[in-house]
Amino acid sequence: MRPAGGWLERLALKLVLFALGTLVVMQALAGPRGAGTFLSYAERLEGPLPQAAWAESPQAPNPAAGPAPPQPVPDTPSPVPSGAAQGAWITLLLCSRPSDPSARLLINGRPAGSFLQPLLTVAVRHGDRLEVDVPEGGGTLTIRVVGAAPDLLWPRLGQEFDCRGLGLLGEIRRLPD
């Protein structure tokens, strides 16, 4: 003879296992580079939210203060030109290693700076073509956009790029004047 509470215990066990499974899936989706990027069509099209990138950034700004102007890194061979305060600028962070002096940022095919320091800030214009030149044998570099002028539409804050060889980041897009 079966006990009367057997079906209730099986139901409770199934509910607990379902809840634990749901918890594991939700944690994977909520992770910084979790499965959400693969499951969410919008994140694949538009990239991760900028707030997540600032939270991971070594120089997290105060969102209430508005966008911070570019801060050139000492000993960087390509500091932000003085006219960049009025124009567009972008700050890139080398995430995959502390520095890589052989890797160069190219704007319209011309060298604009190298990653002697992990942060590189350059002035850009609408339509500029950004590329990263990683010499052969240099492996893959991960570069994240950690700062940009307020009128810059693309690339957005928090966007990451994996570059190998001559990697195209894309063309700069700005709001119309």
N, C-alpha and C. Protein backbone atom coordinates (compact mmCIF):
# COMPACT_ATOMS: atom_id res chain seq x y z
N MET A 1 0.83 -1.17 0.00
CA MET A 1 0.00 0.00 0.00
C MET A 1 0.89 1.26 0.00
N ARG A 2 0.53 2.28 -0.85
CA ARG A 2 1.32 3.50 -0.94
C ARG A 2 0.83 4.52 0.06
N PRO A 3 1.78 5.28 0.61
CA PRO A 3 1.34 6.32 1.55
C PRO A 3 0.57 7.41 0.81
N ALA A 4 -0.36 8.04 1.50
CA ALA A 4 -1.24 9.05 0.91
C ALA A 4 -0.49 10.31 0.50
N GLY A 5 0.63 10.65 1.17
CA GLY A 5 1.36 11.88 0.87
C GLY A 5 2.41 11.71 -0.20
N GLY A 6 2.55 10.56 -0.85
CA GLY A 6 3.59 10.30 -1.84
C GLY A 6 3.51 11.21 -3.05
N TRP A 7 2.32 11.44 -3.56
CA TRP A 7 2.18 12.29 -4.73
C TRP A 7 2.51 13.74 -4.41
N LEU A 8 2.23 14.15 -3.19
CA LEU A 8 2.53 15.52 -2.77
C LEU A 8 4.05 15.73 -2.67
N GLU A 9 4.75 14.72 -2.16
CA GLU A 9 6.21 14.82 -2.06
C GLU A 9 6.84 14.86 -3.44
N ARG A 10 6.34 14.05 -4.38
CA ARG A 10 6.88 14.06 -5.75
C ARG A 10 6.64 15.41 -6.41
N LEU A 11 5.47 15.97 -6.19
CA LEU A 11 5.15 17.28 -6.75
C LEU A 11 6.06 18.36 -6.16
N ALA A 12 6.28 18.31 -4.86
CA ALA A 12 7.16 19.28 -4.21
C ALA A 12 8.59 19.14 -4.72
N LEU A 13 9.07 17.91 -4.92
CA LEU A 13 10.42 17.68 -5.43
C LEU A 13 10.54 18.23 -6.85
N LYS A 14 9.54 18.00 -7.69
CA LYS A 14 9.56 18.51 -9.06
C LYS A 14 9.56 20.04 -9.07
N LEU A 15 8.78 20.66 -8.21
CA LEU A 15 8.76 22.12 -8.13
C LEU A 15 10.10 22.69 -7.68
N VAL A 16 10.73 22.04 -6.71
CA VAL A 16 12.04 22.50 -6.22
C VAL A 16 13.08 22.36 -7.32
N LEU A 17 13.08 21.24 -8.03
CA LEU A 17 14.04 21.05 -9.12
C LEU A 17 13.80 22.05 -10.25
N PHE A 18 12.56 22.33 -10.57
CA PHE A 18 12.23 23.33 -11.58
C PHE A 18 12.71 24.72 -11.15
N ALA A 19 12.49 25.07 -9.89
CA ALA A 19 12.93 26.38 -9.38
C ALA A 19 14.45 26.50 -9.43
N LEU A 20 15.17 25.44 -9.05
CA LEU A 20 16.63 25.49 -9.11
C LEU A 20 17.12 25.60 -10.55
N GLY A 21 16.52 24.87 -11.46
CA GLY A 21 16.89 24.96 -12.87
C GLY A 21 16.65 26.36 -13.42
N THR A 22 15.51 26.95 -13.07
CA THR A 22 15.20 28.31 -13.50
C THR A 22 16.20 29.30 -12.93
N LEU A 23 16.59 29.13 -11.69
CA LEU A 23 17.59 30.01 -11.06
C LEU A 23 18.91 29.94 -11.80
N VAL A 24 19.37 28.74 -12.16
CA VAL A 24 20.64 28.59 -12.87
C VAL A 24 20.57 29.27 -14.24
N VAL A 25 19.48 29.08 -14.95
CA VAL A 25 19.33 29.71 -16.27
C VAL A 25 19.31 31.23 -16.14
N MET A 26 18.60 31.77 -15.18
CA MET A 26 18.53 33.22 -14.99
C MET A 26 19.89 33.80 -14.62
N GLN A 27 20.65 33.11 -13.81
CA GLN A 27 21.98 33.59 -13.44
C GLN A 27 22.89 33.61 -14.66
N ALA A 28 22.78 32.60 -15.51
CA ALA A 28 23.60 32.57 -16.73
C ALA A 28 23.22 33.73 -17.64
N LEU A 29 21.94 34.04 -17.75
CA LEU A 29 21.50 35.14 -18.60
C LEU A 29 21.90 36.50 -18.04
N ALA A 30 21.96 36.61 -16.73
CA ALA A 30 22.25 37.91 -16.10
C ALA A 30 23.74 38.17 -15.97
N GLY A 31 24.60 37.21 -16.26
CA GLY A 31 26.04 37.38 -16.12
C GLY A 31 26.56 38.45 -17.06
N PRO A 32 27.77 38.98 -16.80
CA PRO A 32 28.32 40.06 -17.60
C PRO A 32 28.51 39.68 -19.07
N ARG A 33 28.99 38.49 -19.34
CA ARG A 33 29.11 38.01 -20.72
C ARG A 33 28.47 36.64 -20.80
N GLY A 34 27.28 36.54 -20.24
CA GLY A 34 26.59 35.26 -20.16
C GLY A 34 25.92 34.88 -21.46
N ALA A 35 25.02 33.95 -21.36
CA ALA A 35 24.32 33.43 -22.52
C ALA A 35 23.34 34.44 -23.10
N GLY A 36 23.07 35.53 -22.39
CA GLY A 36 22.12 36.53 -22.89
C GLY A 36 22.51 37.09 -24.24
N THR A 37 23.81 37.23 -24.49
CA THR A 37 24.26 37.75 -25.78
C THR A 37 23.91 36.80 -26.91
N PHE A 38 23.84 35.51 -26.61
CA PHE A 38 23.53 34.55 -27.65
C PHE A 38 22.02 34.36 -27.81
N LEU A 39 21.27 34.58 -26.74
CA LEU A 39 19.84 34.36 -26.78
C LEU A 39 19.04 35.61 -27.12
N SER A 40 19.60 36.78 -26.87
CA SER A 40 18.88 38.03 -27.11
C SER A 40 19.28 38.61 -28.46
N TYR A 41 18.32 38.69 -29.36
CA TYR A 41 18.57 39.23 -30.69
C TYR A 41 18.97 40.71 -30.62
N ALA A 42 18.37 41.45 -29.71
CA ALA A 42 18.67 42.88 -29.60
C ALA A 42 20.11 43.11 -29.15
N GLU A 43 20.63 42.33 -28.23
CA GLU A 43 22.01 42.52 -27.78
C GLU A 43 23.00 42.18 -28.89
N ARG A 44 22.68 41.20 -29.73
CA ARG A 44 23.58 40.89 -30.82
C ARG A 44 23.60 42.02 -31.84
N LEU A 45 22.48 42.69 -32.04
CA LEU A 45 22.42 43.80 -32.99
C LEU A 45 23.03 45.07 -32.42
N GLU A 46 22.71 45.38 -31.18
CA GLU A 46 23.05 46.68 -30.62
C GLU A 46 24.18 46.66 -29.61
N GLY A 47 24.63 45.50 -29.17
CA GLY A 47 25.68 45.43 -28.17
C GLY A 47 25.12 45.54 -26.78
N PRO A 48 25.97 45.34 -25.77
CA PRO A 48 25.51 45.39 -24.39
C PRO A 48 25.18 46.82 -23.96
N LEU A 49 24.45 46.94 -22.88
CA LEU A 49 24.07 48.25 -22.37
C LEU A 49 25.30 49.01 -21.87
N PRO A 50 25.35 50.32 -22.08
CA PRO A 50 26.51 51.09 -21.66
C PRO A 50 26.75 51.04 -20.15
N GLN A 51 25.70 50.94 -19.33
CA GLN A 51 25.89 50.95 -17.89
C GLN A 51 26.76 49.77 -17.45
N ALA A 52 26.60 48.63 -18.07
CA ALA A 52 27.39 47.46 -17.70
C ALA A 52 28.86 47.70 -17.99
N ALA A 53 29.17 48.38 -19.09
CA ALA A 53 30.55 48.64 -19.44
C ALA A 53 31.18 49.61 -18.44
N TRP A 54 30.42 50.64 -18.04
CA TRP A 54 30.99 51.60 -17.09
C TRP A 54 31.23 50.94 -15.74
N ALA A 55 30.38 50.00 -15.36
CA ALA A 55 30.56 49.35 -14.07
C ALA A 55 31.83 48.54 -14.05
N GLU A 56 32.24 47.98 -15.21
CA GLU A 56 33.46 47.18 -15.28
C GLU A 56 34.69 48.04 -15.55
N SER A 57 34.48 49.27 -15.99
CA SER A 57 35.58 50.14 -16.38
C SER A 57 36.42 50.54 -15.17
N PRO A 58 37.74 50.66 -15.35
CA PRO A 58 38.57 51.08 -14.22
C PRO A 58 38.32 52.52 -13.81
N GLN A 59 37.73 53.33 -14.70
CA GLN A 59 37.46 54.72 -14.38
C GLN A 59 35.97 54.97 -14.55
N ALA A 60 35.18 54.43 -13.66
CA ALA A 60 33.73 54.57 -13.77
C ALA A 60 33.31 56.01 -13.48
N PRO A 61 32.59 56.65 -14.43
CA PRO A 61 32.18 58.04 -14.22
C PRO A 61 30.91 58.12 -13.39
N ASN A 62 30.60 59.33 -12.97
CA ASN A 62 29.36 59.60 -12.27
C ASN A 62 28.30 59.91 -13.32
N PRO A 63 27.27 59.06 -13.50
CA PRO A 63 26.29 59.29 -14.55
C PRO A 63 25.53 60.60 -14.38
N ALA A 64 25.37 61.09 -13.17
CA ALA A 64 24.65 62.34 -12.94
C ALA A 64 25.45 63.54 -13.43
N ALA A 65 26.76 63.40 -13.51
CA ALA A 65 27.61 64.51 -13.93
C ALA A 65 27.66 64.67 -15.44
N GLY A 66 27.09 63.73 -16.19
CA GLY A 66 27.13 63.80 -17.65
C GLY A 66 28.41 63.19 -18.18
N PRO A 67 28.59 63.19 -19.50
CA PRO A 67 29.78 62.57 -20.07
C PRO A 67 31.03 63.36 -19.72
N ALA A 68 32.07 62.63 -19.38
CA ALA A 68 33.33 63.27 -19.01
C ALA A 68 34.13 63.59 -20.27
N PRO A 69 34.84 64.70 -20.30
CA PRO A 69 35.70 65.00 -21.45
C PRO A 69 36.86 64.01 -21.47
N PRO A 70 37.48 63.83 -22.62
CA PRO A 70 38.57 62.86 -22.70
C PRO A 70 39.75 63.29 -21.83
N GLN A 71 40.32 62.33 -21.14
CA GLN A 71 41.49 62.56 -20.32
C GLN A 71 42.66 61.82 -20.94
N PRO A 72 43.61 62.52 -21.58
CA PRO A 72 44.73 61.83 -22.18
C PRO A 72 45.55 61.10 -21.12
N VAL A 73 46.02 59.94 -21.47
CA VAL A 73 46.85 59.15 -20.57
C VAL A 73 48.29 59.63 -20.73
N PRO A 74 49.04 59.86 -19.62
CA PRO A 74 50.43 60.29 -19.75
C PRO A 74 51.23 59.27 -20.56
N ASP A 75 52.20 59.76 -21.33
CA ASP A 75 53.08 58.96 -22.17
C ASP A 75 52.35 58.28 -23.32
N THR A 76 51.14 58.70 -23.62
CA THR A 76 50.44 58.16 -24.77
C THR A 76 50.87 58.97 -25.99
N PRO A 77 51.30 58.32 -27.05
CA PRO A 77 51.83 59.07 -28.18
C PRO A 77 50.77 59.86 -28.94
N SER A 78 49.48 59.56 -28.74
CA SER A 78 48.45 60.29 -29.49
C SER A 78 47.44 60.89 -28.54
N PRO A 79 47.80 61.95 -27.80
CA PRO A 79 46.82 62.57 -26.91
C PRO A 79 45.72 63.23 -27.73
N VAL A 80 44.62 63.52 -27.06
CA VAL A 80 43.50 64.16 -27.74
C VAL A 80 43.91 65.56 -28.17
N PRO A 81 43.74 65.89 -29.45
CA PRO A 81 44.06 67.24 -29.90
C PRO A 81 43.21 68.27 -29.18
N SER A 82 43.72 69.49 -29.07
CA SER A 82 42.99 70.51 -28.32
C SER A 82 41.65 70.82 -28.95
N GLY A 83 41.48 70.66 -30.25
CA GLY A 83 40.21 70.92 -30.91
C GLY A 83 39.20 69.81 -30.69
N ALA A 84 39.61 68.69 -30.08
CA ALA A 84 38.70 67.55 -29.91
C ALA A 84 37.64 67.83 -28.86
N ALA A 85 37.87 68.85 -28.00
CA ALA A 85 36.87 69.15 -26.98
C ALA A 85 35.56 69.60 -27.63
N GLN A 86 35.66 70.27 -28.78
CA GLN A 86 34.45 70.69 -29.48
C GLN A 86 33.96 69.60 -30.42
N GLY A 87 34.85 68.77 -30.94
CA GLY A 87 34.49 67.73 -31.90
C GLY A 87 34.22 66.41 -31.20
N ALA A 88 34.22 65.36 -31.99
CA ALA A 88 33.96 64.02 -31.45
C ALA A 88 35.28 63.37 -31.05
N TRP A 89 35.21 62.51 -30.07
CA TRP A 89 36.36 61.77 -29.58
C TRP A 89 35.88 60.41 -29.11
N ILE A 90 36.83 59.51 -29.00
CA ILE A 90 36.51 58.16 -28.54
C ILE A 90 37.68 57.65 -27.72
N THR A 91 37.37 56.93 -26.63
CA THR A 91 38.40 56.33 -25.79
C THR A 91 38.23 54.82 -25.84
N LEU A 92 39.30 54.14 -26.19
CA LEU A 92 39.29 52.68 -26.30
C LEU A 92 40.15 52.09 -25.19
N LEU A 93 39.70 50.98 -24.63
CA LEU A 93 40.43 50.27 -23.57
C LEU A 93 40.86 48.93 -24.10
N LEU A 94 42.15 48.63 -23.99
CA LEU A 94 42.68 47.33 -24.36
C LEU A 94 42.42 46.38 -23.20
N CYS A 95 41.52 45.41 -23.38
CA CYS A 95 41.09 44.54 -22.30
C CYS A 95 41.89 43.25 -22.20
N SER A 96 42.41 42.77 -23.31
CA SER A 96 42.99 41.44 -23.33
C SER A 96 44.39 41.37 -22.74
N ARG A 97 45.09 42.47 -22.62
CA ARG A 97 46.43 42.50 -22.01
C ARG A 97 46.75 43.91 -21.54
N PRO A 98 47.76 44.07 -20.69
CA PRO A 98 48.05 45.41 -20.14
C PRO A 98 48.44 46.44 -21.19
N SER A 99 49.19 46.04 -22.21
CA SER A 99 49.55 46.95 -23.29
C SER A 99 50.01 46.11 -24.48
N ASP A 100 50.04 46.74 -25.64
CA ASP A 100 50.56 46.09 -26.84
C ASP A 100 51.04 47.18 -27.78
N PRO A 101 52.32 47.59 -27.64
CA PRO A 101 52.83 48.69 -28.45
C PRO A 101 52.83 48.40 -29.95
N SER A 102 52.80 47.12 -30.33
CA SER A 102 52.83 46.79 -31.76
C SER A 102 51.45 46.93 -32.40
N ALA A 103 50.40 46.93 -31.61
CA ALA A 103 49.04 47.08 -32.15
C ALA A 103 48.76 48.57 -32.36
N ARG A 104 48.26 48.92 -33.54
CA ARG A 104 48.02 50.32 -33.87
C ARG A 104 46.55 50.54 -34.22
N LEU A 105 46.04 51.71 -33.85
CA LEU A 105 44.72 52.13 -34.27
C LEU A 105 44.89 52.95 -35.54
N LEU A 106 44.13 52.58 -36.57
CA LEU A 106 44.19 53.30 -37.84
C LEU A 106 42.87 54.03 -38.06
N ILE A 107 42.96 55.29 -38.47
CA ILE A 107 41.78 56.06 -38.85
C ILE A 107 41.94 56.39 -40.32
N ASN A 108 41.01 55.89 -41.12
CA ASN A 108 41.06 56.04 -42.58
C ASN A 108 42.38 55.53 -43.16
N GLY A 109 42.88 54.43 -42.59
CA GLY A 109 44.10 53.80 -43.09
C GLY A 109 45.39 54.42 -42.61
N ARG A 110 45.32 55.50 -41.83
CA ARG A 110 46.53 56.17 -41.32
C ARG A 110 46.67 55.92 -39.83
N PRO A 111 47.90 55.68 -39.35
CA PRO A 111 48.10 55.44 -37.91
C PRO A 111 47.63 56.63 -37.08
N ALA A 112 46.84 56.33 -36.02
CA ALA A 112 46.33 57.37 -35.14
C ALA A 112 46.82 57.18 -33.71
N GLY A 113 47.44 56.06 -33.42
CA GLY A 113 47.94 55.80 -32.09
C GLY A 113 48.22 54.32 -31.90
N SER A 114 48.94 54.01 -30.83
CA SER A 114 49.21 52.62 -30.50
C SER A 114 48.83 52.39 -29.05
N PHE A 115 48.74 51.15 -28.67
CA PHE A 115 48.30 50.80 -27.33
C PHE A 115 49.50 50.61 -26.39
N LEU A 116 50.33 51.68 -26.27
CA LEU A 116 51.42 51.66 -25.29
C LEU A 116 50.84 51.60 -23.88
N GLN A 117 49.73 52.27 -23.70
CA GLN A 117 48.96 52.25 -22.46
C GLN A 117 47.64 51.56 -22.79
N PRO A 118 46.94 51.03 -21.79
CA PRO A 118 45.68 50.34 -22.11
C PRO A 118 44.58 51.27 -22.61
N LEU A 119 44.64 52.57 -22.28
CA LEU A 119 43.63 53.53 -22.75
C LEU A 119 44.19 54.34 -23.90
N LEU A 120 43.40 54.50 -24.95
CA LEU A 120 43.79 55.30 -26.10
C LEU A 120 42.62 56.20 -26.47
N THR A 121 42.85 57.52 -26.46
CA THR A 121 41.81 58.49 -26.79
C THR A 121 42.22 59.23 -28.05
N VAL A 122 41.32 59.29 -29.03
CA VAL A 122 41.61 59.97 -30.29
C VAL A 122 40.41 60.81 -30.72
N ALA A 123 40.70 61.84 -31.51
CA ALA A 123 39.65 62.66 -32.10
C ALA A 123 39.17 61.98 -33.37
N VAL A 124 37.85 62.00 -33.60
CA VAL A 124 37.26 61.36 -34.78
C VAL A 124 36.26 62.29 -35.44
N ARG A 125 35.93 62.00 -36.69
CA ARG A 125 34.91 62.75 -37.43
C ARG A 125 33.90 61.76 -37.99
N HIS A 126 32.75 62.27 -38.37
CA HIS A 126 31.71 61.43 -38.97
C HIS A 126 32.26 60.79 -40.25
N GLY A 127 32.07 59.49 -40.37
CA GLY A 127 32.52 58.76 -41.56
C GLY A 127 33.92 58.21 -41.47
N ASP A 128 34.67 58.55 -40.41
CA ASP A 128 36.01 57.99 -40.25
C ASP A 128 35.92 56.47 -40.12
N ARG A 129 36.84 55.79 -40.75
CA ARG A 129 36.89 54.33 -40.72
C ARG A 129 37.93 53.92 -39.68
N LEU A 130 37.48 53.19 -38.63
CA LEU A 130 38.38 52.75 -37.56
C LEU A 130 38.81 51.31 -37.80
N GLU A 131 40.12 51.08 -37.71
CA GLU A 131 40.67 49.74 -37.84
C GLU A 131 41.75 49.56 -36.78
N VAL A 132 41.97 48.32 -36.39
CA VAL A 132 43.06 47.99 -35.48
C VAL A 132 43.98 47.04 -36.23
N ASP A 133 45.26 47.39 -36.29
CA ASP A 133 46.26 46.58 -36.96
C ASP A 133 47.05 45.81 -35.91
N VAL A 134 46.83 44.50 -35.85
CA VAL A 134 47.56 43.63 -34.93
C VAL A 134 48.55 42.84 -35.77
N PRO A 135 49.86 42.97 -35.51
CA PRO A 135 50.83 42.26 -36.32
C PRO A 135 50.63 40.74 -36.25
N GLU A 136 51.13 40.06 -37.29
CA GLU A 136 51.03 38.61 -37.34
C GLU A 136 51.69 37.99 -36.11
N GLY A 137 51.03 37.05 -35.50
CA GLY A 137 51.54 36.43 -34.29
C GLY A 137 51.16 37.18 -33.02
N GLY A 138 50.43 38.28 -33.18
CA GLY A 138 50.03 39.08 -32.02
C GLY A 138 48.79 38.54 -31.31
N GLY A 139 48.18 37.51 -31.87
CA GLY A 139 46.99 36.93 -31.24
C GLY A 139 45.77 37.81 -31.45
N THR A 140 44.79 37.62 -30.59
CA THR A 140 43.54 38.36 -30.66
C THR A 140 43.51 39.42 -29.57
N LEU A 141 43.14 40.63 -29.93
CA LEU A 141 43.00 41.71 -28.96
C LEU A 141 41.52 41.97 -28.73
N THR A 142 41.16 42.19 -27.48
CA THR A 142 39.80 42.61 -27.14
C THR A 142 39.85 44.08 -26.77
N ILE A 143 39.06 44.87 -27.47
CA ILE A 143 39.05 46.32 -27.27
C ILE A 143 37.63 46.74 -26.94
N ARG A 144 37.48 47.57 -25.88
CA ARG A 144 36.16 48.04 -25.44
C ARG A 144 36.11 49.56 -25.52
N VAL A 145 34.98 50.09 -25.94
CA VAL A 145 34.77 51.54 -25.98
C VAL A 145 34.35 51.96 -24.57
N VAL A 146 35.18 52.77 -23.90
CA VAL A 146 34.88 53.20 -22.52
C VAL A 146 34.60 54.69 -22.42
N GLY A 147 34.73 55.40 -23.51
CA GLY A 147 34.43 56.82 -23.49
C GLY A 147 34.14 57.30 -24.90
N ALA A 148 33.21 58.24 -25.02
CA ALA A 148 32.88 58.76 -26.35
C ALA A 148 32.20 60.11 -26.18
N ALA A 149 32.30 60.92 -27.22
CA ALA A 149 31.62 62.21 -27.22
C ALA A 149 30.11 61.97 -27.15
N PRO A 150 29.36 62.91 -26.57
CA PRO A 150 27.92 62.72 -26.40
C PRO A 150 27.16 62.57 -27.72
N ASP A 151 27.68 63.15 -28.80
CA ASP A 151 26.95 63.09 -30.07
C ASP A 151 27.37 61.90 -30.93
N LEU A 152 28.15 60.98 -30.39
CA LEU A 152 28.59 59.81 -31.13
C LEU A 152 27.52 58.72 -31.08
N LEU A 153 27.05 58.28 -32.25
CA LEU A 153 26.04 57.23 -32.32
C LEU A 153 26.67 55.84 -32.39
N TRP A 154 27.81 55.74 -33.10
CA TRP A 154 28.47 54.45 -33.23
C TRP A 154 29.95 54.67 -33.31
N PRO A 155 30.77 53.90 -32.66
CA PRO A 155 30.47 52.82 -31.73
C PRO A 155 29.96 53.36 -30.41
N ARG A 156 29.16 52.56 -29.73
CA ARG A 156 28.57 52.98 -28.46
C ARG A 156 29.43 52.56 -27.29
N LEU A 157 29.19 53.21 -26.16
CA LEU A 157 29.89 52.85 -24.93
C LEU A 157 29.63 51.38 -24.61
N GLY A 158 30.66 50.70 -24.18
CA GLY A 158 30.53 49.31 -23.78
C GLY A 158 30.67 48.32 -24.91
N GLN A 159 30.71 48.79 -26.14
CA GLN A 159 30.82 47.88 -27.27
C GLN A 159 32.23 47.27 -27.26
N GLU A 160 32.32 45.97 -27.49
CA GLU A 160 33.59 45.26 -27.51
C GLU A 160 33.87 44.71 -28.90
N PHE A 161 35.16 44.70 -29.23
CA PHE A 161 35.60 44.19 -30.52
C PHE A 161 36.75 43.23 -30.28
N ASP A 162 36.72 42.08 -30.96
CA ASP A 162 37.83 41.15 -30.95
C ASP A 162 38.55 41.32 -32.28
N CYS A 163 39.84 41.66 -32.23
CA CYS A 163 40.59 41.98 -33.44
C CYS A 163 41.75 41.03 -33.61
N ARG A 164 41.94 40.58 -34.83
CA ARG A 164 43.09 39.74 -35.21
C ARG A 164 43.51 40.20 -36.60
N GLY A 165 44.81 40.40 -36.80
CA GLY A 165 45.28 40.92 -38.09
C GLY A 165 44.85 42.36 -38.25
N LEU A 166 44.28 42.69 -39.41
CA LEU A 166 43.74 44.02 -39.64
C LEU A 166 42.24 43.94 -39.39
N GLY A 167 41.81 44.38 -38.20
CA GLY A 167 40.41 44.26 -37.80
C GLY A 167 39.66 45.56 -37.99
N LEU A 168 38.57 45.51 -38.75
CA LEU A 168 37.74 46.67 -38.98
C LEU A 168 36.77 46.84 -37.82
N LEU A 169 36.81 48.01 -37.16
CA LEU A 169 35.86 48.32 -36.10
C LEU A 169 34.60 48.93 -36.70
N GLY A 170 34.71 49.62 -37.81
CA GLY A 170 33.56 50.22 -38.47
C GLY A 170 33.78 51.69 -38.74
N GLU A 171 32.69 52.35 -39.11
CA GLU A 171 32.74 53.78 -39.41
C GLU A 171 32.06 54.57 -38.31
N ILE A 172 32.63 55.72 -37.99
CA ILE A 172 32.09 56.61 -36.96
C ILE A 172 30.77 57.20 -37.46
N ARG A 173 29.77 57.18 -36.61
CA ARG A 173 28.49 57.82 -36.92
C ARG A 173 28.18 58.81 -35.80
N ARG A 174 27.85 60.03 -36.19
CA ARG A 174 27.52 61.09 -35.23
C ARG A 174 26.13 61.62 -35.50
N LEU A 175 25.56 62.26 -34.48
CA LEU A 175 24.29 62.96 -34.65
C LEU A 175 24.50 64.11 -35.64
N PRO A 176 23.51 64.39 -36.49
CA PRO A 176 23.67 65.53 -37.39
C PRO A 176 23.68 66.83 -36.60
N ASP A 177 24.46 67.80 -37.10
CA ASP A 177 24.57 69.11 -36.40
C ASP A 177 23.30 69.88 -36.47
